[in-house]
PDB file of all heavy atoms in Angstrom:
ATOM      1  N   ALA A   1      -5.636  15.914   9.489  1.00  0.00           N
ATOM      2  CA  ALA A   1      -4.482  16.405  10.255  1.00  0.00           C
ATOM      3  C   ALA A   1      -3.252  16.527   9.370  1.00  0.00           C
ATOM      4  O   ALA A   1      -2.508  17.496   9.399  1.00  0.00           O
ATOM      5  CB  ALA A   1      -4.127  15.426  11.376  1.00  0.00           C
ATOM      6  N   VAL A   2      -3.038  15.529   8.480  1.00  0.00           N
ATOM      7  CA  VAL A   2      -1.910  15.562   7.523  1.00  0.00           C
ATOM      8  C   VAL A   2      -2.058  16.721   6.508  1.00  0.00           C
ATOM      9  O   VAL A   2      -1.110  17.430   6.137  1.00  0.00           O
ATOM     10  CB  VAL A   2      -1.701  14.220   6.837  1.00  0.00           C
ATOM     11  CG1 VAL A   2      -0.687  14.292   5.742  1.00  0.00           C
ATOM     12  CG2 VAL A   2      -1.327  13.171   7.881  1.00  0.00           C
ATOM     13  N   ALA A   3      -3.315  16.991   6.077  1.00  0.00           N
ATOM     14  CA  ALA A   3      -3.564  18.032   5.145  1.00  0.00           C
ATOM     15  C   ALA A   3      -3.299  19.417   5.848  1.00  0.00           C
ATOM     16  O   ALA A   3      -2.720  20.345   5.225  1.00  0.00           O
ATOM     17  CB  ALA A   3      -5.007  18.027   4.709  1.00  0.00           C
ATOM     18  N   TYR A   4      -3.590  19.489   7.099  1.00  0.00           N
ATOM     19  CA  TYR A   4      -3.188  20.745   7.914  1.00  0.00           C
ATOM     20  C   TYR A   4      -1.664  20.894   7.872  1.00  0.00           C
ATOM     21  O   TYR A   4      -1.184  22.021   7.680  1.00  0.00           O
ATOM     22  CB  TYR A   4      -3.687  20.619   9.278  1.00  0.00           C
ATOM     23  CG  TYR A   4      -3.391  21.860  10.130  1.00  0.00           C
ATOM     24  CD1 TYR A   4      -4.207  22.949  10.160  1.00  0.00           C
ATOM     25  CD2 TYR A   4      -2.187  21.967  10.898  1.00  0.00           C
ATOM     26  CE1 TYR A   4      -3.908  24.073  10.874  1.00  0.00           C
ATOM     27  CE2 TYR A   4      -1.842  22.965  11.591  1.00  0.00           C
ATOM     28  CZ  TYR A   4      -2.721  24.094  11.631  1.00  0.00           C
ATOM     29  OH  TYR A   4      -2.368  25.231  12.352  1.00  0.00           O
ATOM     30  N   LEU A   5      -0.955  19.803   8.130  1.00  0.00           N
ATOM     31  CA  LEU A   5       0.530  19.870   8.078  1.00  0.00           C
ATOM     32  C   LEU A   5       1.028  20.380   6.682  1.00  0.00           C
ATOM     33  O   LEU A   5       1.950  21.114   6.596  1.00  0.00           O
ATOM     34  CB  LEU A   5       1.132  18.612   8.428  1.00  0.00           C
ATOM     35  CG  LEU A   5       1.138  18.100   9.859  1.00  0.00           C
ATOM     36  CD1 LEU A   5       1.771  16.775  10.031  1.00  0.00           C
ATOM     37  CD2 LEU A   5       1.684  19.107  10.752  1.00  0.00           C
ATOM     38  N   LYS A   6       0.374  19.826   5.660  1.00  0.00           N
ATOM     39  CA  LYS A   6       0.732  20.187   4.266  1.00  0.00           C
ATOM     40  C   LYS A   6       0.615  21.704   4.067  1.00  0.00           C
ATOM     41  O   LYS A   6       1.458  22.384   3.452  1.00  0.00           O
ATOM     42  CB  LYS A   6      -0.083  19.455   3.272  1.00  0.00           C
ATOM     43  CG  LYS A   6       0.319  19.711   1.880  1.00  0.00           C
ATOM     44  CD  LYS A   6      -0.486  18.927   0.856  1.00  0.00           C
ATOM     45  CE  LYS A   6      -0.057  19.131  -0.598  1.00  0.00           C
ATOM     46  NZ  LYS A   6      -0.836  18.343  -1.543  1.00  0.00           N
ATOM     47  N   ALA A   7      -0.436  22.274   4.635  1.00  0.00           N
ATOM     48  CA  ALA A   7      -0.664  23.731   4.477  1.00  0.00           C
ATOM     49  C   ALA A   7       0.215  24.578   5.343  1.00  0.00           C
ATOM     50  O   ALA A   7       0.646  25.657   4.928  1.00  0.00           O
ATOM     51  CB  ALA A   7      -2.137  24.024   4.701  1.00  0.00           C
ATOM     52  N   TYR A   8       0.438  24.147   6.579  1.00  0.00           N
ATOM     53  CA  TYR A   8       1.083  25.049   7.568  1.00  0.00           C
ATOM     54  C   TYR A   8       2.409  24.560   8.121  1.00  0.00           C
ATOM     55  O   TYR A   8       3.107  25.348   8.816  1.00  0.00           O
ATOM     56  CB  TYR A   8       0.103  25.259   8.730  1.00  0.00           C
ATOM     57  CG  TYR A   8      -1.116  25.989   8.297  1.00  0.00           C
ATOM     58  CD1 TYR A   8      -2.321  25.227   8.222  1.00  0.00           C
ATOM     59  CD2 TYR A   8      -1.159  27.304   8.084  1.00  0.00           C
ATOM     60  CE1 TYR A   8      -3.494  25.859   7.840  1.00  0.00           C
ATOM     61  CE2 TYR A   8      -2.324  27.946   7.657  1.00  0.00           C
ATOM     62  CZ  TYR A   8      -3.454  27.164   7.563  1.00  0.00           C
ATOM     63  OH  TYR A   8      -4.586  27.813   7.157  1.00  0.00           O
ATOM     64  N   ASP A   9       2.815  23.372   7.800  1.00  0.00           N
ATOM     65  CA  ASP A   9       4.106  22.827   8.385  1.00  0.00           C
ATOM     66  C   ASP A   9       4.687  21.875   7.399  1.00  0.00           C
ATOM     67  O   ASP A   9       4.665  20.614   7.555  1.00  0.00           O
ATOM     68  CB  ASP A   9       3.805  22.189   9.757  1.00  0.00           C
ATOM     69  CG  ASP A   9       5.163  21.835  10.552  1.00  0.00           C
ATOM     70  OD1 ASP A   9       6.207  22.032   9.937  1.00  0.00           O
ATOM     71  OD2 ASP A   9       4.973  21.420  11.648  1.00  0.00           O
ATOM     72  N   ASN A  10       5.263  22.403   6.307  1.00  0.00           N
ATOM     73  CA  ASN A  10       5.692  21.578   5.207  1.00  0.00           C
ATOM     74  C   ASN A  10       6.742  20.551   5.531  1.00  0.00           C
ATOM     75  O   ASN A  10       6.670  19.389   5.048  1.00  0.00           O
ATOM     76  CB  ASN A  10       6.107  22.491   4.043  1.00  0.00           C
ATOM     77  CG  ASN A  10       6.145  21.741   2.731  1.00  0.00           C
ATOM     78  OD1 ASN A  10       5.397  20.794   2.496  1.00  0.00           O
ATOM     79  ND2 ASN A  10       7.074  22.169   1.861  1.00  0.00           N
ATOM     80  N   GLN A  11       7.637  20.836   6.460  1.00  0.00           N
ATOM     81  CA  GLN A  11       8.677  19.858   6.741  1.00  0.00           C
ATOM     82  C   GLN A  11       8.118  18.697   7.429  1.00  0.00           C
ATOM     83  O   GLN A  11       8.441  17.493   7.127  1.00  0.00           O
ATOM     84  CB  GLN A  11       9.807  20.496   7.600  1.00  0.00           C
ATOM     85  CG  GLN A  11      10.891  19.522   7.937  1.00  0.00           C
ATOM     86  CD  GLN A  11      12.044  20.064   8.697  1.00  0.00           C
ATOM     87  OE1 GLN A  11      12.142  21.275   8.853  1.00  0.00           O
ATOM     88  NE2 GLN A  11      12.850  19.175   9.230  1.00  0.00           N
ATOM     89  N   ASN A  12       7.251  18.849   8.410  1.00  0.00           N
ATOM     90  CA  ASN A  12       6.668  17.714   9.106  1.00  0.00           C
ATOM     91  C   ASN A  12       5.740  16.929   8.155  1.00  0.00           C
ATOM     92  O   ASN A  12       5.701  15.709   8.206  1.00  0.00           O
ATOM     93  CB  ASN A  12       5.846  18.179  10.273  1.00  0.00           C
ATOM     94  CG  ASN A  12       6.779  18.466  11.490  1.00  0.00           C
ATOM     95  OD1 ASN A  12       7.862  17.942  11.592  1.00  0.00           O
ATOM     96  ND2 ASN A  12       6.333  19.339  12.388  1.00  0.00           N
ATOM     97  N   TYR A  13       5.086  17.598   7.229  1.00  0.00           N
ATOM     98  CA  TYR A  13       4.215  16.937   6.253  1.00  0.00           C
ATOM     99  C   TYR A  13       5.134  15.998   5.411  1.00  0.00           C
ATOM    100  O   TYR A  13       4.784  14.811   5.190  1.00  0.00           O
ATOM    101  CB  TYR A  13       3.441  17.930   5.373  1.00  0.00           C
ATOM    102  CG  TYR A  13       2.968  17.362   4.147  1.00  0.00           C
ATOM    103  CD1 TYR A  13       1.825  16.510   4.166  1.00  0.00           C
ATOM    104  CD2 TYR A  13       3.580  17.573   2.892  1.00  0.00           C
ATOM    105  CE1 TYR A  13       1.337  15.952   3.018  1.00  0.00           C
ATOM    106  CE2 TYR A  13       3.048  16.997   1.737  1.00  0.00           C
ATOM    107  CZ  TYR A  13       1.947  16.155   1.799  1.00  0.00           C
ATOM    108  OH  TYR A  13       1.436  15.588   0.683  1.00  0.00           O
ATOM    109  N   ARG A  14       6.184  16.519   4.941  1.00  0.00           N
ATOM    110  CA  ARG A  14       7.134  15.722   4.087  1.00  0.00           C
ATOM    111  C   ARG A  14       7.660  14.473   4.852  1.00  0.00           C
ATOM    112  O   ARG A  14       7.740  13.418   4.245  1.00  0.00           O
ATOM    113  CB  ARG A  14       8.301  16.485   3.511  1.00  0.00           C
ATOM    114  CG  ARG A  14       7.858  17.477   2.385  1.00  0.00           C
ATOM    115  CD  ARG A  14       9.019  18.158   1.731  1.00  0.00           C
ATOM    116  NE  ARG A  14       9.702  18.976   2.735  1.00  0.00           N
ATOM    117  CZ  ARG A  14      10.970  19.291   2.713  1.00  0.00           C
ATOM    118  NH1 ARG A  14      11.838  18.817   1.788  1.00  0.00           N
ATOM    119  NH2 ARG A  14      11.453  20.144   3.622  1.00  0.00           N
ATOM    120  N   LEU A  15       7.992  14.657   6.105  1.00  0.00           N
ATOM    121  CA  LEU A  15       8.427  13.571   6.886  1.00  0.00           C
ATOM    122  C   LEU A  15       7.415  12.461   6.987  1.00  0.00           C
ATOM    123  O   LEU A  15       7.688  11.276   6.840  1.00  0.00           O
ATOM    124  CB  LEU A  15       8.868  14.026   8.318  1.00  0.00           C
ATOM    125  CG  LEU A  15      10.115  14.872   8.405  1.00  0.00           C
ATOM    126  CD1 LEU A  15      10.271  15.539   9.775  1.00  0.00           C
ATOM    127  CD2 LEU A  15      11.379  14.023   8.095  1.00  0.00           C
ATOM    128  N   ILE A  16       6.156  12.842   7.355  1.00  0.00           N
ATOM    129  CA  ILE A  16       5.088  11.909   7.516  1.00  0.00           C
ATOM    130  C   ILE A  16       4.782  11.255   6.132  1.00  0.00           C
ATOM    131  O   ILE A  16       4.663  10.008   6.042  1.00  0.00           O
ATOM    132  CB  ILE A  16       3.802  12.583   8.016  1.00  0.00           C
ATOM    133  CG1 ILE A  16       3.976  13.070   9.382  1.00  0.00           C
ATOM    134  CG2 ILE A  16       2.549  11.621   7.908  1.00  0.00           C
ATOM    135  CD1 ILE A  16       4.153  12.026  10.469  1.00  0.00           C
ATOM    136  N   LYS A  17       4.770  11.985   5.066  1.00  0.00           N
ATOM    137  CA  LYS A  17       4.491  11.451   3.784  1.00  0.00           C
ATOM    138  C   LYS A  17       5.556  10.449   3.299  1.00  0.00           C
ATOM    139  O   LYS A  17       5.248   9.315   2.934  1.00  0.00           O
ATOM    140  CB  LYS A  17       4.371  12.582   2.686  1.00  0.00           C
ATOM    141  CG  LYS A  17       4.120  12.166   1.280  1.00  0.00           C
ATOM    142  CD  LYS A  17       4.040  13.297   0.337  1.00  0.00           C
ATOM    143  CE  LYS A  17       5.439  13.680  -0.066  1.00  0.00           C
ATOM    144  NZ  LYS A  17       5.530  14.620  -1.157  1.00  0.00           N
ATOM    145  N   LEU A  18       6.843  10.790   3.491  1.00  0.00           N
ATOM    146  CA  LEU A  18       7.895   9.945   3.063  1.00  0.00           C
ATOM    147  C   LEU A  18       8.001   8.676   3.860  1.00  0.00           C
ATOM    148  O   LEU A  18       8.209   7.592   3.340  1.00  0.00           O
ATOM    149  CB  LEU A  18       9.242  10.701   3.011  1.00  0.00           C
ATOM    150  CG  LEU A  18       9.401  11.789   1.975  1.00  0.00           C
ATOM    151  CD1 LEU A  18      10.672  12.545   2.200  1.00  0.00           C
ATOM    152  CD2 LEU A  18       9.311  11.230   0.624  1.00  0.00           C
ATOM    153  N   LYS A  19       7.760   8.810   5.145  1.00  0.00           N
ATOM    154  CA  LYS A  19       7.907   7.697   6.102  1.00  0.00           C
ATOM    155  C   LYS A  19       6.720   6.772   5.936  1.00  0.00           C
ATOM    156  O   LYS A  19       6.877   5.444   5.853  1.00  0.00           O
ATOM    157  CB  LYS A  19       7.974   8.169   7.595  1.00  0.00           C
ATOM    158  CG  LYS A  19       8.066   7.079   8.579  1.00  0.00           C
ATOM    159  CD  LYS A  19       9.345   6.281   8.442  1.00  0.00           C
ATOM    160  CE  LYS A  19       9.412   5.220   9.552  1.00  0.00           C
ATOM    161  NZ  LYS A  19      10.306   4.069   9.094  1.00  0.00           N
ATOM    162  N   TYR A  20       5.479   7.232   5.931  1.00  0.00           N
ATOM    163  CA  TYR A  20       4.315   6.396   6.071  1.00  0.00           C
ATOM    164  C   TYR A  20       3.605   6.164   4.707  1.00  0.00           C
ATOM    165  O   TYR A  20       2.962   5.165   4.586  1.00  0.00           O
ATOM    166  CB  TYR A  20       3.311   6.940   7.069  1.00  0.00           C
ATOM    167  CG  TYR A  20       3.920   6.825   8.468  1.00  0.00           C
ATOM    168  CD1 TYR A  20       4.438   7.955   9.123  1.00  0.00           C
ATOM    169  CD2 TYR A  20       3.988   5.555   9.168  1.00  0.00           C
ATOM    170  CE1 TYR A  20       4.955   7.829  10.417  1.00  0.00           C
ATOM    171  CE2 TYR A  20       4.565   5.492  10.402  1.00  0.00           C
ATOM    172  CZ  TYR A  20       5.036   6.568  11.018  1.00  0.00           C
ATOM    173  OH  TYR A  20       5.647   6.498  12.248  1.00  0.00           O
ATOM    174  N   LEU A  21       3.691   7.093   3.794  1.00  0.00           N
ATOM    175  CA  LEU A  21       3.047   6.866   2.500  1.00  0.00           C
ATOM    176  C   LEU A  21       3.949   6.178   1.613  1.00  0.00           C
ATOM    177  O   LEU A  21       3.581   5.257   0.802  1.00  0.00           O
ATOM    178  CB  LEU A  21       2.540   8.200   1.952  1.00  0.00           C
ATOM    179  CG  LEU A  21       1.576   8.101   0.775  1.00  0.00           C
ATOM    180  CD1 LEU A  21       0.386   7.277   1.127  1.00  0.00           C
ATOM    181  CD2 LEU A  21       1.176   9.508   0.367  1.00  0.00           C
ATOM    182  N   TYR A  22       5.225   6.603   1.507  1.00  0.00           N
ATOM    183  CA  TYR A  22       6.245   6.017   0.573  1.00  0.00           C
ATOM    184  C   TYR A  22       7.054   4.959   1.204  1.00  0.00           C
ATOM    185  O   TYR A  22       7.801   4.230   0.506  1.00  0.00           O
ATOM    186  CB  TYR A  22       7.078   7.110  -0.072  1.00  0.00           C
ATOM    187  CG  TYR A  22       6.377   8.002  -0.908  1.00  0.00           C
ATOM    188  CD1 TYR A  22       6.549   9.410  -0.829  1.00  0.00           C
ATOM    189  CD2 TYR A  22       5.459   7.603  -1.912  1.00  0.00           C
ATOM    190  CE1 TYR A  22       5.864  10.296  -1.633  1.00  0.00           C
ATOM    191  CE2 TYR A  22       4.756   8.500  -2.706  1.00  0.00           C
ATOM    192  CZ  TYR A  22       4.974   9.807  -2.565  1.00  0.00           C
ATOM    193  OH  TYR A  22       4.302  10.682  -3.354  1.00  0.00           O
ATOM    194  N   GLY A  23       7.024   4.802   2.514  1.00  0.00           N
ATOM    195  CA  GLY A  23       7.724   3.669   3.126  1.00  0.00           C
ATOM    196  C   GLY A  23       9.212   3.842   3.302  1.00  0.00           C
ATOM    197  O   GLY A  23       9.950   2.795   3.336  1.00  0.00           O
ATOM    198  N   TYR A  24       9.697   5.063   3.379  1.00  0.00           N
ATOM    199  CA  TYR A  24      11.135   5.282   3.511  1.00  0.00           C
ATOM    200  C   TYR A  24      11.595   4.763   4.882  1.00  0.00           C
ATOM    201  O   TYR A  24      11.000   4.943   5.885  1.00  0.00           O
ATOM    202  CB  TYR A  24      11.456   6.815   3.520  1.00  0.00           C
ATOM    203  CG  TYR A  24      11.631   7.369   2.113  1.00  0.00           C
ATOM    204  CD1 TYR A  24      10.878   6.909   1.010  1.00  0.00           C
ATOM    205  CD2 TYR A  24      12.543   8.461   1.907  1.00  0.00           C
ATOM    206  CE1 TYR A  24      11.065   7.494  -0.257  1.00  0.00           C
ATOM    207  CE2 TYR A  24      12.680   8.965   0.632  1.00  0.00           C
ATOM    208  CZ  TYR A  24      11.995   8.496  -0.414  1.00  0.00           C
ATOM    209  OH  TYR A  24      12.105   9.033  -1.629  1.00  0.00           O
ATOM    210  N   SER A  25      12.760   4.173   4.889  1.00  0.00           N
ATOM    211  CA  SER A  25      13.433   3.796   6.195  1.00  0.00           C
ATOM    212  C   SER A  25      14.033   5.036   6.833  1.00  0.00           C
ATOM    213  O   SER A  25      14.141   6.085   6.109  1.00  0.00           O
ATOM    214  CB  SER A  25      14.541   2.736   5.951  1.00  0.00           C
ATOM    215  OG  SER A  25      15.520   3.315   5.175  1.00  0.00           O
ATOM    216  N   TYR A  26      14.363   5.027   8.026  1.00  0.00           N
ATOM    217  CA  TYR A  26      15.036   6.204   8.722  1.00  0.00           C
ATOM    218  C   TYR A  26      16.348   6.535   8.022  1.00  0.00           C
ATOM    219  O   TYR A  26      16.693   7.759   7.866  1.00  0.00           O
ATOM    220  CB  TYR A  26      15.201   5.939  10.200  1.00  0.00           C
ATOM    221  CG  TYR A  26      13.929   5.979  11.048  1.00  0.00           C
ATOM    222  CD1 TYR A  26      13.560   4.817  11.670  1.00  0.00           C
ATOM    223  CD2 TYR A  26      13.148   7.134  11.055  1.00  0.00           C
ATOM    224  CE1 TYR A  26      12.406   4.807  12.399  1.00  0.00           C
ATOM    225  CE2 TYR A  26      12.009   7.028  11.759  1.00  0.00           C
ATOM    226  CZ  TYR A  26      11.635   5.958  12.432  1.00  0.00           C
ATOM    227  OH  TYR A  26      10.454   5.962  13.183  1.00  0.00           O
ATOM    228  N   GLN A  27      17.092   5.531   7.656  1.00  0.00           N
ATOM    229  CA  GLN A  27      18.438   5.771   6.890  1.00  0.00           C
ATOM    230  C   GLN A  27      18.117   6.443   5.614  1.00  0.00           C
ATOM    231  O   GLN A  27      18.826   7.426   5.268  1.00  0.00           O
ATOM    232  CB  GLN A  27      19.107   4.423   6.761  1.00  0.00           C
ATOM    233  CG  GLN A  27      20.448   4.587   6.116  1.00  0.00           C
ATOM    234  CD  GLN A  27      21.181   3.226   5.934  1.00  0.00           C
ATOM    235  OE1 GLN A  27      20.615   2.218   6.143  1.00  0.00           O
ATOM    236  NE2 GLN A  27      22.446   3.311   5.630  1.00  0.00           N
ATOM    237  N   ARG A  28      17.225   5.929   4.825  1.00  0.00           N
ATOM    238  CA  ARG A  28      16.914   6.587   3.525  1.00  0.00           C
ATOM    239  C   ARG A  28      16.391   7.973   3.677  1.00  0.00           C
ATOM    240  O   ARG A  28      16.758   8.910   2.940  1.00  0.00           O
ATOM    241  CB  ARG A  28      15.980   5.750   2.724  1.00  0.00           C
ATOM    242  CG  ARG A  28      15.747   6.314   1.325  1.00  0.00           C
ATOM    243  CD  ARG A  28      15.095   5.334   0.448  1.00  0.00           C
ATOM    244  NE  ARG A  28      14.963   5.895  -0.885  1.00  0.00           N
ATOM    245  CZ  ARG A  28      14.201   5.447  -1.745  1.00  0.00           C
ATOM    246  NH1 ARG A  28      13.451   4.331  -1.559  1.00  0.00           N
ATOM    247  NH2 ARG A  28      14.111   6.040  -2.928  1.00  0.00           N
ATOM    248  N   LEU A  29      15.543   8.178   4.684  1.00  0.00           N
ATOM    249  CA  LEU A  29      14.965   9.478   4.963  1.00  0.00           C
ATOM    250  C   LEU A  29      16.048  10.478   5.428  1.00  0.00           C
ATOM    251  O   LEU A  29      16.093  11.594   5.034  1.00  0.00           O
ATOM    252  CB  LEU A  29      13.888   9.371   6.082  1.00  0.00           C
ATOM    253  CG  LEU A  29      12.943  10.476   6.323  1.00  0.00           C
ATOM    254  CD1 LEU A  29      12.274  10.904   5.033  1.00  0.00           C
ATOM    255  CD2 LEU A  29      11.913  10.065   7.348  1.00  0.00           C
ATOM    256  N   ALA A  30      17.056   9.994   6.131  1.00  0.00           N
ATOM    257  CA  ALA A  30      18.154  10.827   6.613  1.00  0.00           C
ATOM    258  C   ALA A  30      19.033  11.266   5.396  1.00  0.00           C
ATOM    259  O   ALA A  30      19.409  12.384   5.255  1.00  0.00           O
ATOM    260  CB  ALA A  30      19.026  10.106   7.589  1.00  0.00           C
ATOM    261  N   GLN A  31      19.244  10.316   4.435  1.00  0.00           N
ATOM    262  CA  GLN A  31      19.930  10.688   3.223  1.00  0.00           C
ATOM    263  C   GLN A  31      19.193  11.743   2.425  1.00  0.00           C
ATOM    264  O   GLN A  31      19.743  12.681   1.950  1.00  0.00           O
ATOM    265  CB  GLN A  31      20.152   9.409   2.340  1.00  0.00           C
ATOM    266  CG  GLN A  31      21.116   8.435   2.959  1.00  0.00           C
ATOM    267  CD  GLN A  31      21.224   7.125   2.207  1.00  0.00           C
ATOM    268  OE1 GLN A  31      20.339   6.883   1.310  1.00  0.00           O
ATOM    269  NE2 GLN A  31      22.110   6.313   2.458  1.00  0.00           N
TER     270      GLN A  31
END
């Protein structure tokens, strides 16, 4: 599912990757 997002919905893919793979907080993600 995440690979599908990477191919077709790059913004949502980046959000998932930064939040759950890299562990960004909401504040850091907003920055």
